[in-house]
Amino acid sequence: MRNRVGVLLFSLTSLAAGVAHADDPVLERSFDPTIGELPESIAFDDAGNLFLSMGNTIRRLTPEGELELWSTLPIDAFALGVKVGPDGCVYNASTSLNPAVVGAFVWRTWEQGVIEEYAALDPSAGPNDLAFDDHGNLFVTDPIGGRIFKIDEQ
C-alpha cells in the first residue's frame, strides 16, 4: 500500500511540474464598484459580444468596447450566472437576498430590453451557474440547496 501511494504522489508531482502556466493576467476593463458596477458572470456570443451580469442587469460589451444595458430583471434580485444558449438568447439565473422577494428564476433575453421568465425554480433555491448540454437542456446549480436543476429544452 505504501508503494502505491508513493507512486501516485510522484506521478502527481511530476504532472504538476510539467503544467504550463499562463502569462500574467492583463486587465481587460475596469468598473466602478462605488456605483454598483460589480461584474459577476460572463459569456460570449458568436459575434464576439461579451455579456455580463451586474447587479440586477445584464450588460453587453461589444467587440468595439461599447458597454450597454442589455436587460434588467423585472424583480428585485441579483443576476448571477449568464450563458448564451444554443438559440443565441442570453440566459441568466437570479436570486434575491431579500426574503420578501422570490428570486429563484432563470430569465431569457432574446433581444435587447426584452426579458422573459424562462423557468421558476424552487423558491428556496439560490440558482447560480448555468450550462447547456448538446441537446439544448439547461442545467442550473443551486449551491445554497446543494442541487442541480435540469430544464428540458423548450
N, C-alpha and C. Protein backbone atom coordinates (compact mmCIF):
# COMPACT_ATOMS: atom_id res chain seq x y z
N MET A 1 0.82 -1.20 0.00
CA MET A 1 0.00 0.00 0.00
C MET A 1 0.86 1.26 0.00
N ARG A 2 1.91 1.24 0.78
CA ARG A 2 2.79 2.40 0.87
C ARG A 2 3.43 2.71 -0.49
N ASN A 3 3.84 1.72 -1.23
CA ASN A 3 4.45 1.94 -2.54
C ASN A 3 3.46 2.56 -3.52
N ARG A 4 2.22 2.11 -3.49
CA ARG A 4 1.22 2.67 -4.40
C ARG A 4 1.01 4.15 -4.15
N VAL A 5 0.91 4.52 -2.89
CA VAL A 5 0.73 5.92 -2.55
C VAL A 5 1.93 6.73 -3.01
N GLY A 6 3.13 6.20 -2.78
CA GLY A 6 4.34 6.89 -3.21
C GLY A 6 4.37 7.10 -4.71
N VAL A 7 3.98 6.09 -5.46
CA VAL A 7 3.96 6.21 -6.93
C VAL A 7 2.94 7.26 -7.34
N LEU A 8 1.78 7.26 -6.70
CA LEU A 8 0.75 8.25 -7.02
C LEU A 8 1.25 9.65 -6.72
N LEU A 9 1.86 9.85 -5.56
CA LEU A 9 2.37 11.17 -5.21
C LEU A 9 3.46 11.61 -6.17
N PHE A 10 4.34 10.70 -6.55
CA PHE A 10 5.39 11.03 -7.50
C PHE A 10 4.79 11.42 -8.84
N SER A 11 3.77 10.67 -9.28
CA SER A 11 3.14 10.97 -10.57
C SER A 11 2.45 12.33 -10.54
N LEU A 12 1.74 12.64 -9.48
CA LEU A 12 1.06 13.92 -9.39
C LEU A 12 2.08 15.07 -9.32
N THR A 13 3.15 14.86 -8.60
CA THR A 13 4.19 15.89 -8.52
C THR A 13 4.82 16.11 -9.89
N SER A 14 5.06 15.03 -10.62
CA SER A 14 5.63 15.15 -11.96
C SER A 14 4.69 15.87 -12.89
N LEU A 15 3.41 15.56 -12.80
CA LEU A 15 2.42 16.24 -13.66
C LEU A 15 2.37 17.73 -13.33
N ALA A 16 2.34 18.06 -12.05
CA ALA A 16 2.25 19.46 -11.64
C ALA A 16 3.48 20.23 -12.12
N ALA A 17 4.64 19.63 -12.08
CA ALA A 17 5.87 20.30 -12.50
C ALA A 17 5.85 20.59 -14.00
N GLY A 18 5.13 19.76 -14.76
CA GLY A 18 5.11 19.92 -16.21
C GLY A 18 3.95 20.76 -16.73
N VAL A 19 3.12 21.29 -15.85
CA VAL A 19 1.97 22.08 -16.27
C VAL A 19 2.43 23.47 -16.70
N ALA A 20 1.99 23.88 -17.86
CA ALA A 20 2.34 25.22 -18.35
C ALA A 20 1.48 26.25 -17.64
N HIS A 21 2.05 27.40 -17.35
CA HIS A 21 1.33 28.48 -16.69
C HIS A 21 1.06 29.59 -17.69
N ALA A 22 -0.10 30.19 -17.55
CA ALA A 22 -0.46 31.32 -18.42
C ALA A 22 0.39 32.53 -18.07
N ASP A 23 0.53 33.41 -19.01
CA ASP A 23 1.21 34.67 -18.74
C ASP A 23 0.44 35.44 -17.68
N ASP A 24 1.04 36.46 -17.16
CA ASP A 24 0.36 37.29 -16.17
C ASP A 24 -0.94 37.83 -16.76
N PRO A 25 -2.03 37.79 -16.00
CA PRO A 25 -3.30 38.31 -16.50
C PRO A 25 -3.19 39.80 -16.84
N VAL A 26 -3.92 40.20 -17.84
CA VAL A 26 -3.95 41.59 -18.28
C VAL A 26 -5.33 42.14 -17.95
N LEU A 27 -5.40 43.30 -17.32
CA LEU A 27 -6.67 43.92 -17.00
C LEU A 27 -7.37 44.30 -18.30
N GLU A 28 -8.53 43.72 -18.55
CA GLU A 28 -9.29 43.96 -19.77
C GLU A 28 -10.14 45.22 -19.66
N ARG A 29 -10.79 45.40 -18.51
CA ARG A 29 -11.69 46.55 -18.33
C ARG A 29 -11.93 46.75 -16.85
N SER A 30 -11.99 47.98 -16.42
CA SER A 30 -12.30 48.31 -15.03
C SER A 30 -13.73 48.84 -14.93
N PHE A 31 -14.33 48.59 -13.79
CA PHE A 31 -15.67 49.09 -13.50
C PHE A 31 -15.61 49.88 -12.20
N ASP A 32 -16.68 50.58 -11.88
CA ASP A 32 -16.71 51.42 -10.70
C ASP A 32 -17.63 50.80 -9.64
N PRO A 33 -17.06 50.11 -8.65
CA PRO A 33 -17.88 49.48 -7.62
C PRO A 33 -18.68 50.47 -6.79
N THR A 34 -18.23 51.73 -6.71
CA THR A 34 -18.94 52.72 -5.89
C THR A 34 -20.31 53.06 -6.47
N ILE A 35 -20.54 52.73 -7.74
CA ILE A 35 -21.86 52.97 -8.34
C ILE A 35 -22.54 51.65 -8.71
N GLY A 36 -22.10 50.55 -8.05
CA GLY A 36 -22.76 49.27 -8.23
C GLY A 36 -22.28 48.46 -9.42
N GLU A 37 -21.18 48.86 -10.04
CA GLU A 37 -20.65 48.09 -11.17
C GLU A 37 -19.78 46.95 -10.64
N LEU A 38 -20.45 45.83 -10.37
CA LEU A 38 -19.78 44.65 -9.81
C LEU A 38 -20.06 43.45 -10.72
N PRO A 39 -19.23 43.21 -11.71
CA PRO A 39 -19.49 42.10 -12.63
C PRO A 39 -19.44 40.76 -11.91
N GLU A 40 -20.37 39.88 -12.27
CA GLU A 40 -20.49 38.58 -11.60
C GLU A 40 -20.13 37.43 -12.53
N SER A 41 -20.78 37.35 -13.68
CA SER A 41 -20.60 36.23 -14.60
C SER A 41 -20.47 36.77 -16.01
N ILE A 42 -19.77 36.04 -16.87
CA ILE A 42 -19.56 36.50 -18.24
C ILE A 42 -19.74 35.37 -19.24
N ALA A 43 -20.16 35.73 -20.45
CA ALA A 43 -20.31 34.75 -21.53
C ALA A 43 -20.21 35.49 -22.86
N PHE A 44 -19.63 34.83 -23.85
CA PHE A 44 -19.52 35.39 -25.19
C PHE A 44 -20.57 34.81 -26.11
N ASP A 45 -20.98 35.60 -27.12
CA ASP A 45 -21.80 35.06 -28.20
C ASP A 45 -20.92 34.88 -29.42
N ASP A 46 -21.50 34.37 -30.50
CA ASP A 46 -20.73 34.09 -31.72
C ASP A 46 -20.22 35.35 -32.42
N ALA A 47 -20.82 36.50 -32.12
CA ALA A 47 -20.41 37.76 -32.74
C ALA A 47 -19.30 38.47 -31.96
N GLY A 48 -18.87 37.86 -30.84
CA GLY A 48 -17.81 38.47 -30.05
C GLY A 48 -18.28 39.42 -28.98
N ASN A 49 -19.59 39.52 -28.78
CA ASN A 49 -20.12 40.33 -27.69
C ASN A 49 -19.90 39.59 -26.38
N LEU A 50 -19.56 40.33 -25.34
CA LEU A 50 -19.39 39.77 -24.01
C LEU A 50 -20.59 40.22 -23.17
N PHE A 51 -21.32 39.26 -22.63
CA PHE A 51 -22.46 39.56 -21.77
C PHE A 51 -22.03 39.33 -20.33
N LEU A 52 -22.40 40.26 -19.45
CA LEU A 52 -22.04 40.11 -18.06
C LEU A 52 -23.19 40.50 -17.16
N SER A 53 -23.32 39.75 -16.08
CA SER A 53 -24.33 40.09 -15.08
C SER A 53 -23.72 41.08 -14.11
N MET A 54 -24.54 42.08 -13.76
CA MET A 54 -24.07 43.14 -12.88
C MET A 54 -25.28 43.69 -12.13
N GLY A 55 -25.32 43.43 -10.82
CA GLY A 55 -26.49 43.87 -10.04
C GLY A 55 -27.73 43.14 -10.51
N ASN A 56 -28.75 43.88 -10.88
CA ASN A 56 -29.98 43.25 -11.40
C ASN A 56 -30.08 43.41 -12.92
N THR A 57 -28.92 43.55 -13.57
CA THR A 57 -28.90 43.77 -15.02
C THR A 57 -27.96 42.81 -15.72
N ILE A 58 -28.18 42.71 -17.02
CA ILE A 58 -27.23 42.06 -17.93
C ILE A 58 -26.72 43.18 -18.83
N ARG A 59 -25.41 43.28 -18.94
CA ARG A 59 -24.80 44.30 -19.80
C ARG A 59 -24.13 43.59 -20.98
N ARG A 60 -24.01 44.32 -22.08
CA ARG A 60 -23.31 43.80 -23.25
C ARG A 60 -22.11 44.69 -23.54
N LEU A 61 -20.97 44.07 -23.66
CA LEU A 61 -19.75 44.76 -24.05
C LEU A 61 -19.46 44.32 -25.48
N THR A 62 -19.55 45.27 -26.42
CA THR A 62 -19.37 44.94 -27.83
C THR A 62 -17.88 44.76 -28.14
N PRO A 63 -17.57 44.13 -29.27
CA PRO A 63 -16.16 44.00 -29.66
C PRO A 63 -15.47 45.36 -29.82
N GLU A 64 -16.25 46.41 -30.06
CA GLU A 64 -15.69 47.76 -30.19
C GLU A 64 -15.48 48.44 -28.84
N GLY A 65 -15.86 47.77 -27.75
CA GLY A 65 -15.64 48.31 -26.42
C GLY A 65 -16.79 49.10 -25.83
N GLU A 66 -17.94 49.12 -26.51
CA GLU A 66 -19.11 49.84 -26.00
C GLU A 66 -19.84 48.98 -24.97
N LEU A 67 -20.07 49.54 -23.79
CA LEU A 67 -20.83 48.84 -22.75
C LEU A 67 -22.24 49.39 -22.74
N GLU A 68 -23.22 48.49 -22.86
CA GLU A 68 -24.61 48.93 -22.90
C GLU A 68 -25.48 48.01 -22.08
N LEU A 69 -26.61 48.54 -21.63
CA LEU A 69 -27.59 47.75 -20.91
C LEU A 69 -28.26 46.79 -21.88
N TRP A 70 -28.25 45.51 -21.57
CA TRP A 70 -28.91 44.50 -22.42
C TRP A 70 -30.30 44.21 -21.88
N SER A 71 -30.41 43.97 -20.57
CA SER A 71 -31.73 43.75 -19.97
C SER A 71 -31.66 43.99 -18.47
N THR A 72 -32.83 44.22 -17.87
CA THR A 72 -32.96 44.43 -16.43
C THR A 72 -33.96 43.43 -15.90
N LEU A 73 -33.61 42.77 -14.81
CA LEU A 73 -34.54 41.81 -14.20
C LEU A 73 -35.81 42.53 -13.78
N PRO A 74 -36.98 41.90 -13.97
CA PRO A 74 -38.23 42.56 -13.59
C PRO A 74 -38.55 42.44 -12.10
N ILE A 75 -37.64 41.86 -11.32
CA ILE A 75 -37.82 41.76 -9.87
C ILE A 75 -36.56 42.29 -9.19
N ASP A 76 -36.67 42.52 -7.88
CA ASP A 76 -35.53 43.00 -7.10
C ASP A 76 -34.67 41.79 -6.72
N ALA A 77 -33.76 41.43 -7.60
CA ALA A 77 -32.91 40.26 -7.38
C ALA A 77 -31.57 40.48 -8.07
N PHE A 78 -30.61 39.62 -7.75
CA PHE A 78 -29.30 39.68 -8.37
C PHE A 78 -29.24 38.78 -9.58
N ALA A 79 -28.73 39.30 -10.67
CA ALA A 79 -28.45 38.49 -11.85
C ALA A 79 -27.10 37.82 -11.60
N LEU A 80 -27.09 36.51 -11.67
CA LEU A 80 -25.86 35.77 -11.38
C LEU A 80 -25.34 35.13 -12.66
N GLY A 81 -25.36 33.79 -12.75
CA GLY A 81 -24.81 33.11 -13.91
C GLY A 81 -25.44 33.59 -15.20
N VAL A 82 -24.62 33.75 -16.23
CA VAL A 82 -25.11 34.17 -17.54
C VAL A 82 -24.47 33.27 -18.60
N LYS A 83 -25.27 32.80 -19.55
CA LYS A 83 -24.79 31.98 -20.66
C LYS A 83 -25.56 32.36 -21.91
N VAL A 84 -24.91 32.22 -23.04
CA VAL A 84 -25.59 32.37 -24.32
C VAL A 84 -26.01 30.96 -24.73
N GLY A 85 -27.31 30.79 -24.98
CA GLY A 85 -27.83 29.48 -25.32
C GLY A 85 -27.60 29.11 -26.77
N PRO A 86 -27.89 27.86 -27.11
CA PRO A 86 -27.73 27.41 -28.49
C PRO A 86 -28.65 28.16 -29.46
N ASP A 87 -29.68 28.81 -28.93
CA ASP A 87 -30.61 29.59 -29.76
C ASP A 87 -30.15 31.04 -29.91
N GLY A 88 -29.02 31.39 -29.30
CA GLY A 88 -28.49 32.76 -29.38
C GLY A 88 -29.05 33.70 -28.32
N CYS A 89 -30.03 33.23 -27.54
CA CYS A 89 -30.59 34.06 -26.47
C CYS A 89 -29.63 34.07 -25.28
N VAL A 90 -29.73 35.12 -24.46
CA VAL A 90 -28.92 35.23 -23.26
C VAL A 90 -29.77 34.78 -22.08
N TYR A 91 -29.26 33.81 -21.33
CA TYR A 91 -29.95 33.25 -20.18
C TYR A 91 -29.20 33.67 -18.93
N ASN A 92 -29.96 33.91 -17.85
CA ASN A 92 -29.29 34.18 -16.58
C ASN A 92 -30.14 33.69 -15.42
N ALA A 93 -29.44 33.32 -14.37
CA ALA A 93 -30.08 32.91 -13.12
C ALA A 93 -30.19 34.12 -12.22
N SER A 94 -31.19 34.11 -11.36
CA SER A 94 -31.32 35.20 -10.39
C SER A 94 -31.65 34.64 -9.02
N THR A 95 -31.21 35.37 -8.03
CA THR A 95 -31.57 35.06 -6.65
C THR A 95 -31.70 36.38 -5.90
N SER A 96 -32.49 36.35 -4.84
CA SER A 96 -32.70 37.55 -4.05
C SER A 96 -32.21 37.32 -2.63
N LEU A 97 -31.60 38.32 -2.05
CA LEU A 97 -31.20 38.24 -0.65
C LEU A 97 -32.28 38.80 0.27
N ASN A 98 -33.35 39.33 -0.32
CA ASN A 98 -34.49 39.85 0.42
C ASN A 98 -35.52 38.73 0.57
N PRO A 99 -35.81 38.27 1.79
CA PRO A 99 -36.75 37.16 1.97
C PRO A 99 -38.16 37.46 1.45
N ALA A 100 -38.49 38.72 1.27
CA ALA A 100 -39.82 39.09 0.77
C ALA A 100 -39.91 38.95 -0.76
N VAL A 101 -38.76 38.77 -1.42
CA VAL A 101 -38.74 38.68 -2.88
C VAL A 101 -38.26 37.30 -3.29
N VAL A 102 -39.11 36.57 -4.01
CA VAL A 102 -38.69 35.29 -4.54
C VAL A 102 -37.84 35.58 -5.77
N GLY A 103 -36.59 35.11 -5.74
CA GLY A 103 -35.69 35.44 -6.84
C GLY A 103 -35.11 34.23 -7.53
N ALA A 104 -35.67 33.06 -7.31
CA ALA A 104 -35.13 31.82 -7.86
C ALA A 104 -35.72 31.57 -9.26
N PHE A 105 -35.12 32.23 -10.24
CA PHE A 105 -35.62 32.12 -11.61
C PHE A 105 -34.46 31.98 -12.58
N VAL A 106 -34.81 31.54 -13.78
CA VAL A 106 -33.93 31.65 -14.94
C VAL A 106 -34.67 32.55 -15.92
N TRP A 107 -33.96 33.55 -16.44
CA TRP A 107 -34.53 34.52 -17.37
C TRP A 107 -33.90 34.34 -18.74
N ARG A 108 -34.64 34.74 -19.76
CA ARG A 108 -34.12 34.69 -21.13
C ARG A 108 -34.34 36.04 -21.79
N THR A 109 -33.26 36.56 -22.37
CA THR A 109 -33.34 37.80 -23.14
C THR A 109 -33.03 37.45 -24.58
N TRP A 110 -33.99 37.63 -25.45
CA TRP A 110 -33.79 37.24 -26.85
C TRP A 110 -33.55 38.44 -27.75
N GLU A 111 -33.69 39.63 -27.19
CA GLU A 111 -33.42 40.87 -27.92
C GLU A 111 -33.19 41.94 -26.87
N GLN A 112 -32.40 42.92 -27.17
CA GLN A 112 -32.07 43.94 -26.18
C GLN A 112 -33.34 44.52 -25.56
N GLY A 113 -33.40 44.47 -24.22
CA GLY A 113 -34.53 45.03 -23.48
C GLY A 113 -35.74 44.12 -23.34
N VAL A 114 -35.72 42.97 -23.99
CA VAL A 114 -36.86 42.05 -23.94
C VAL A 114 -36.47 40.82 -23.13
N ILE A 115 -36.88 40.82 -21.86
CA ILE A 115 -36.55 39.73 -20.95
C ILE A 115 -37.82 39.02 -20.54
N GLU A 116 -37.74 37.69 -20.41
CA GLU A 116 -38.91 36.90 -20.01
C GLU A 116 -38.48 35.81 -19.04
N GLU A 117 -39.42 35.40 -18.23
CA GLU A 117 -39.16 34.29 -17.31
C GLU A 117 -39.06 33.01 -18.14
N TYR A 118 -37.96 32.31 -17.99
CA TYR A 118 -37.77 31.04 -18.69
C TYR A 118 -38.16 29.88 -17.79
N ALA A 119 -37.82 29.97 -16.50
CA ALA A 119 -38.18 28.91 -15.56
C ALA A 119 -38.21 29.48 -14.15
N ALA A 120 -39.22 29.07 -13.39
CA ALA A 120 -39.28 29.39 -11.96
C ALA A 120 -38.78 28.16 -11.22
N LEU A 121 -37.81 28.38 -10.34
CA LEU A 121 -37.24 27.28 -9.58
C LEU A 121 -37.83 27.24 -8.18
N ASP A 122 -37.50 26.21 -7.44
CA ASP A 122 -37.91 26.10 -6.05
C ASP A 122 -37.58 27.42 -5.35
N PRO A 123 -38.55 28.06 -4.71
CA PRO A 123 -38.31 29.38 -4.10
C PRO A 123 -37.19 29.39 -3.07
N SER A 124 -36.84 28.23 -2.50
CA SER A 124 -35.76 28.18 -1.53
C SER A 124 -34.39 28.08 -2.19
N ALA A 125 -34.36 27.96 -3.50
CA ALA A 125 -33.10 27.78 -4.23
C ALA A 125 -32.32 29.08 -4.33
N GLY A 126 -31.05 28.93 -4.57
CA GLY A 126 -30.16 30.05 -4.84
C GLY A 126 -29.44 29.78 -6.14
N PRO A 127 -30.14 29.85 -7.29
CA PRO A 127 -29.51 29.50 -8.56
C PRO A 127 -28.29 30.37 -8.84
N ASN A 128 -27.27 29.73 -9.39
CA ASN A 128 -26.02 30.46 -9.57
C ASN A 128 -25.44 30.33 -10.97
N ASP A 129 -25.09 29.12 -11.40
CA ASP A 129 -24.42 28.97 -12.69
C ASP A 129 -25.29 28.15 -13.64
N LEU A 130 -25.03 28.31 -14.93
CA LEU A 130 -25.82 27.67 -15.98
C LEU A 130 -24.90 26.95 -16.95
N ALA A 131 -25.41 25.85 -17.52
CA ALA A 131 -24.69 25.15 -18.59
C ALA A 131 -25.71 24.44 -19.47
N PHE A 132 -25.48 24.48 -20.78
CA PHE A 132 -26.32 23.77 -21.73
C PHE A 132 -25.62 22.48 -22.16
N ASP A 133 -26.41 21.41 -22.35
CA ASP A 133 -25.83 20.20 -22.93
C ASP A 133 -26.04 20.21 -24.44
N ASP A 134 -25.60 19.17 -25.11
CA ASP A 134 -25.68 19.10 -26.57
C ASP A 134 -27.10 18.98 -27.09
N HIS A 135 -28.07 18.72 -26.20
CA HIS A 135 -29.47 18.58 -26.61
C HIS A 135 -30.28 19.84 -26.33
N GLY A 136 -29.63 20.89 -25.82
CA GLY A 136 -30.33 22.13 -25.52
C GLY A 136 -30.94 22.19 -24.14
N ASN A 137 -30.73 21.15 -23.33
CA ASN A 137 -31.22 21.17 -21.96
C ASN A 137 -30.34 22.11 -21.14
N LEU A 138 -30.95 22.80 -20.21
CA LEU A 138 -30.24 23.75 -19.37
C LEU A 138 -30.10 23.18 -17.96
N PHE A 139 -28.89 23.24 -17.43
CA PHE A 139 -28.62 22.79 -16.07
C PHE A 139 -28.26 24.01 -15.23
N VAL A 140 -28.82 24.07 -14.02
CA VAL A 140 -28.64 25.23 -13.15
C VAL A 140 -28.17 24.75 -11.78
N THR A 141 -27.05 25.31 -11.31
CA THR A 141 -26.57 24.93 -9.99
C THR A 141 -27.30 25.72 -8.91
N ASP A 142 -27.43 25.08 -7.76
CA ASP A 142 -28.01 25.71 -6.57
C ASP A 142 -27.08 25.41 -5.40
N PRO A 143 -26.04 26.24 -5.19
CA PRO A 143 -25.11 25.95 -4.11
C PRO A 143 -25.71 26.12 -2.72
N ILE A 144 -26.80 26.85 -2.60
CA ILE A 144 -27.44 27.01 -1.29
C ILE A 144 -28.14 25.71 -0.88
N GLY A 145 -28.82 25.07 -1.82
CA GLY A 145 -29.55 23.84 -1.53
C GLY A 145 -28.78 22.58 -1.89
N GLY A 146 -27.59 22.72 -2.47
CA GLY A 146 -26.82 21.54 -2.84
C GLY A 146 -27.48 20.73 -3.94
N ARG A 147 -28.00 21.42 -4.97
CA ARG A 147 -28.75 20.74 -6.04
C ARG A 147 -28.32 21.25 -7.41
N ILE A 148 -28.69 20.47 -8.41
CA ILE A 148 -28.60 20.89 -9.81
C ILE A 148 -29.96 20.65 -10.42
N PHE A 149 -30.53 21.68 -11.04
CA PHE A 149 -31.81 21.56 -11.73
C PHE A 149 -31.56 21.34 -13.21
N LYS A 150 -32.42 20.53 -13.82
CA LYS A 150 -32.39 20.35 -15.27
C LYS A 150 -33.68 20.91 -15.85
N ILE A 151 -33.55 21.78 -16.84
CA ILE A 151 -34.70 22.37 -17.52
C ILE A 151 -34.67 21.85 -18.95
N ASP A 152 -35.66 21.06 -19.31
CA ASP A 152 -35.71 20.48 -20.65
C ASP A 152 -35.82 21.57 -21.70
N GLU A 153 -35.24 21.30 -22.86
CA GLU A 153 -35.33 22.23 -23.98
C GLU A 153 -36.79 22.60 -24.20
N GLN A 154 -37.05 23.88 -24.37
CA GLN A 154 -38.44 24.35 -24.53
C GLN A 154 -38.66 24.92 -25.89
